[in-house]
Amino acid sequence: MKEGLIVTVPLDPEEGATHAFAQVVGFLPVGGVLVVHPETSAGVYAPEDLTVQDPRSVPPAILAAIVKRTSIQPLG
């Protein structure tokens, strides 16, 4: 895992997200990965719960929303 990677996260139906794409923005000392989802909020996940995605496979509007929210260019 590296900062800037685009990942998919497990979705919580109560948050109302329409897709699972998010971006890695940091790490916790205890091993958690901090990610930002453009439609919901930041969350902390175990690395094994995240699936790295090629940014080219993400719809352009979603990728733009992620970058707008995080100000981090995607890796890949």
N, C-alpha and C. Protein backbone atom coordinates (compact mmCIF):
# COMPACT_ATOMS: atom_id res chain seq x y z
N MET A 1 0.84 -1.17 0.00
CA MET A 1 0.00 0.00 0.00
C MET A 1 0.89 1.24 0.00
N LYS A 2 0.47 2.22 -0.79
CA LYS A 2 1.15 3.51 -0.85
C LYS A 2 0.12 4.62 -0.91
N GLU A 3 0.49 5.78 -0.38
CA GLU A 3 -0.38 6.94 -0.49
C GLU A 3 -0.61 7.26 -1.96
N GLY A 4 -1.85 7.53 -2.32
CA GLY A 4 -2.21 7.87 -3.68
C GLY A 4 -2.82 6.74 -4.48
N LEU A 5 -2.70 5.50 -3.99
CA LEU A 5 -3.31 4.38 -4.72
C LEU A 5 -4.82 4.50 -4.72
N ILE A 6 -5.43 4.10 -5.82
CA ILE A 6 -6.88 3.99 -5.91
C ILE A 6 -7.24 2.57 -5.51
N VAL A 7 -8.20 2.44 -4.62
CA VAL A 7 -8.60 1.14 -4.11
C VAL A 7 -10.12 1.04 -4.12
N THR A 8 -10.60 -0.18 -3.99
CA THR A 8 -12.02 -0.37 -3.70
C THR A 8 -12.14 -0.79 -2.25
N VAL A 9 -13.21 -0.33 -1.62
CA VAL A 9 -13.45 -0.58 -0.21
C VAL A 9 -14.77 -1.30 -0.04
N PRO A 10 -14.94 -2.02 1.07
CA PRO A 10 -16.25 -2.61 1.36
C PRO A 10 -17.26 -1.48 1.56
N LEU A 11 -18.41 -1.59 0.93
CA LEU A 11 -19.43 -0.54 1.04
C LEU A 11 -20.38 -0.80 2.20
N ASP A 12 -20.75 0.28 2.86
CA ASP A 12 -21.78 0.25 3.90
C ASP A 12 -23.05 0.79 3.27
N PRO A 13 -24.08 -0.03 3.11
CA PRO A 13 -25.30 0.43 2.43
C PRO A 13 -25.95 1.65 3.08
N GLU A 14 -25.70 1.86 4.36
CA GLU A 14 -26.29 3.00 5.06
C GLU A 14 -25.64 4.32 4.69
N GLU A 15 -24.43 4.28 4.11
CA GLU A 15 -23.75 5.53 3.74
C GLU A 15 -24.22 6.08 2.40
N GLY A 16 -24.87 5.27 1.59
CA GLY A 16 -25.44 5.74 0.34
C GLY A 16 -24.46 5.93 -0.80
N ALA A 17 -23.32 5.31 -0.75
CA ALA A 17 -22.34 5.43 -1.84
C ALA A 17 -22.82 4.67 -3.07
N THR A 18 -22.51 5.21 -4.25
CA THR A 18 -22.91 4.56 -5.50
C THR A 18 -21.78 3.75 -6.12
N HIS A 19 -20.59 3.82 -5.53
CA HIS A 19 -19.44 3.04 -6.03
C HIS A 19 -18.48 2.79 -4.87
N ALA A 20 -17.52 1.89 -5.09
CA ALA A 20 -16.60 1.49 -4.04
C ALA A 20 -15.21 2.10 -4.17
N PHE A 21 -14.99 3.01 -5.11
CA PHE A 21 -13.66 3.56 -5.34
C PHE A 21 -13.29 4.60 -4.28
N ALA A 22 -12.05 4.53 -3.81
CA ALA A 22 -11.53 5.47 -2.82
C ALA A 22 -10.03 5.62 -3.05
N GLN A 23 -9.39 6.50 -2.28
CA GLN A 23 -7.96 6.72 -2.44
C GLN A 23 -7.26 6.63 -1.08
N VAL A 24 -6.10 5.98 -1.08
CA VAL A 24 -5.28 5.89 0.13
C VAL A 24 -4.66 7.26 0.39
N VAL A 25 -4.87 7.78 1.61
CA VAL A 25 -4.33 9.09 1.96
C VAL A 25 -3.41 9.06 3.17
N GLY A 26 -3.30 7.93 3.85
CA GLY A 26 -2.42 7.86 5.01
C GLY A 26 -2.47 6.51 5.68
N PHE A 27 -1.69 6.41 6.75
CA PHE A 27 -1.55 5.15 7.47
C PHE A 27 -1.54 5.42 8.97
N LEU A 28 -2.09 4.49 9.73
CA LEU A 28 -2.06 4.58 11.18
C LEU A 28 -0.95 3.70 11.72
N PRO A 29 -0.34 4.08 12.84
CA PRO A 29 0.76 3.29 13.40
C PRO A 29 0.38 1.85 13.72
N VAL A 30 -0.89 1.60 13.98
CA VAL A 30 -1.33 0.24 14.32
C VAL A 30 -1.60 -0.62 13.10
N GLY A 31 -1.38 -0.08 11.90
CA GLY A 31 -1.52 -0.86 10.68
C GLY A 31 -2.73 -0.54 9.83
N GLY A 32 -3.58 0.36 10.27
CA GLY A 32 -4.75 0.72 9.48
C GLY A 32 -4.39 1.63 8.32
N VAL A 33 -5.19 1.56 7.26
CA VAL A 33 -5.00 2.39 6.07
C VAL A 33 -6.14 3.40 6.03
N LEU A 34 -5.79 4.68 5.97
CA LEU A 34 -6.78 5.76 5.90
C LEU A 34 -7.10 6.03 4.44
N VAL A 35 -8.38 5.93 4.09
CA VAL A 35 -8.81 6.18 2.71
C VAL A 35 -9.92 7.22 2.71
N VAL A 36 -10.04 7.92 1.58
CA VAL A 36 -11.11 8.89 1.40
C VAL A 36 -11.97 8.44 0.23
N HIS A 37 -13.28 8.39 0.48
CA HIS A 37 -14.26 8.07 -0.55
C HIS A 37 -14.93 9.39 -0.93
N PRO A 38 -15.05 9.71 -2.21
CA PRO A 38 -15.56 11.03 -2.58
C PRO A 38 -17.03 11.28 -2.26
N GLU A 39 -17.81 10.24 -2.05
CA GLU A 39 -19.24 10.42 -1.78
C GLU A 39 -19.59 10.32 -0.30
N THR A 40 -18.69 9.76 0.50
CA THR A 40 -19.04 9.55 1.90
C THR A 40 -18.02 10.26 2.79
N SER A 41 -17.10 9.54 3.34
CA SER A 41 -16.17 10.13 4.29
C SER A 41 -14.86 9.37 4.28
N ALA A 42 -13.98 9.77 5.17
CA ALA A 42 -12.74 9.03 5.35
C ALA A 42 -13.03 7.80 6.20
N GLY A 43 -12.24 6.77 6.00
CA GLY A 43 -12.40 5.56 6.79
C GLY A 43 -11.07 4.88 6.99
N VAL A 44 -11.00 4.04 7.97
CA VAL A 44 -9.79 3.26 8.25
C VAL A 44 -10.12 1.80 7.99
N TYR A 45 -9.26 1.16 7.22
CA TYR A 45 -9.46 -0.24 6.83
C TYR A 45 -8.18 -1.03 7.05
N ALA A 46 -8.33 -2.32 7.24
CA ALA A 46 -7.18 -3.22 7.24
C ALA A 46 -6.70 -3.34 5.80
N PRO A 47 -5.40 -3.42 5.57
CA PRO A 47 -4.90 -3.51 4.19
C PRO A 47 -5.52 -4.66 3.41
N GLU A 48 -5.81 -5.76 4.07
CA GLU A 48 -6.37 -6.92 3.35
C GLU A 48 -7.82 -6.70 2.92
N ASP A 49 -8.47 -5.66 3.42
CA ASP A 49 -9.84 -5.34 3.01
C ASP A 49 -9.91 -4.44 1.78
N LEU A 50 -8.76 -3.99 1.30
CA LEU A 50 -8.70 -3.07 0.16
C LEU A 50 -8.18 -3.80 -1.07
N THR A 51 -8.71 -3.44 -2.23
CA THR A 51 -8.25 -4.00 -3.50
C THR A 51 -7.73 -2.85 -4.35
N VAL A 52 -6.45 -2.92 -4.71
CA VAL A 52 -5.84 -1.87 -5.52
C VAL A 52 -6.40 -1.92 -6.94
N GLN A 53 -6.71 -0.74 -7.48
CA GLN A 53 -7.27 -0.62 -8.83
C GLN A 53 -6.35 0.21 -9.72
N ASP A 54 -6.35 -0.10 -10.99
CA ASP A 54 -5.66 0.73 -11.97
C ASP A 54 -6.51 1.99 -12.16
N PRO A 55 -5.95 3.19 -11.98
CA PRO A 55 -6.75 4.40 -12.15
C PRO A 55 -7.43 4.50 -13.52
N ARG A 56 -6.84 3.87 -14.53
CA ARG A 56 -7.43 3.91 -15.87
C ARG A 56 -8.73 3.10 -15.94
N SER A 57 -8.96 2.23 -14.95
CA SER A 57 -10.19 1.43 -14.94
C SER A 57 -11.34 2.14 -14.20
N VAL A 58 -11.03 3.28 -13.60
CA VAL A 58 -12.04 4.04 -12.85
C VAL A 58 -12.71 5.04 -13.78
N PRO A 59 -14.02 5.15 -13.77
CA PRO A 59 -14.68 6.15 -14.60
C PRO A 59 -14.09 7.54 -14.34
N PRO A 60 -13.81 8.31 -15.41
CA PRO A 60 -13.14 9.61 -15.26
C PRO A 60 -13.82 10.56 -14.28
N ALA A 61 -15.14 10.60 -14.25
CA ALA A 61 -15.83 11.51 -13.33
C ALA A 61 -15.58 11.12 -11.87
N ILE A 62 -15.52 9.83 -11.60
CA ILE A 62 -15.26 9.37 -10.24
C ILE A 62 -13.82 9.69 -9.86
N LEU A 63 -12.88 9.43 -10.76
CA LEU A 63 -11.48 9.73 -10.49
C LEU A 63 -11.29 11.22 -10.23
N ALA A 64 -11.94 12.06 -11.03
CA ALA A 64 -11.84 13.52 -10.83
C ALA A 64 -12.41 13.92 -9.47
N ALA A 65 -13.51 13.30 -9.05
CA ALA A 65 -14.09 13.62 -7.74
C ALA A 65 -13.16 13.21 -6.61
N ILE A 66 -12.48 12.09 -6.77
CA ILE A 66 -11.53 11.64 -5.75
C ILE A 66 -10.39 12.64 -5.63
N VAL A 67 -9.79 13.00 -6.76
CA VAL A 67 -8.65 13.93 -6.75
C VAL A 67 -9.08 15.30 -6.23
N LYS A 68 -10.27 15.74 -6.57
CA LYS A 68 -10.76 17.03 -6.07
C LYS A 68 -10.86 17.01 -4.54
N ARG A 69 -11.27 15.89 -4.01
CA ARG A 69 -11.44 15.79 -2.55
C ARG A 69 -10.13 15.62 -1.81
N THR A 70 -9.17 14.88 -2.40
CA THR A 70 -7.93 14.57 -1.69
C THR A 70 -6.76 15.47 -2.08
N SER A 71 -6.80 16.05 -3.26
CA SER A 71 -5.68 16.84 -3.82
C SER A 71 -4.42 16.00 -4.00
N ILE A 72 -4.60 14.69 -4.16
CA ILE A 72 -3.47 13.77 -4.38
C ILE A 72 -3.66 13.13 -5.74
N GLN A 73 -2.65 13.22 -6.59
CA GLN A 73 -2.72 12.57 -7.89
C GLN A 73 -2.63 11.06 -7.70
N PRO A 74 -3.46 10.30 -8.42
CA PRO A 74 -3.47 8.85 -8.25
C PRO A 74 -2.19 8.20 -8.76
N LEU A 75 -1.75 7.17 -8.06
CA LEU A 75 -0.61 6.38 -8.50
C LEU A 75 -1.09 5.30 -9.45
N GLY A 76 -0.21 4.91 -10.34
CA GLY A 76 -0.56 3.81 -11.22
C GLY A 76 -0.45 4.22 -12.61
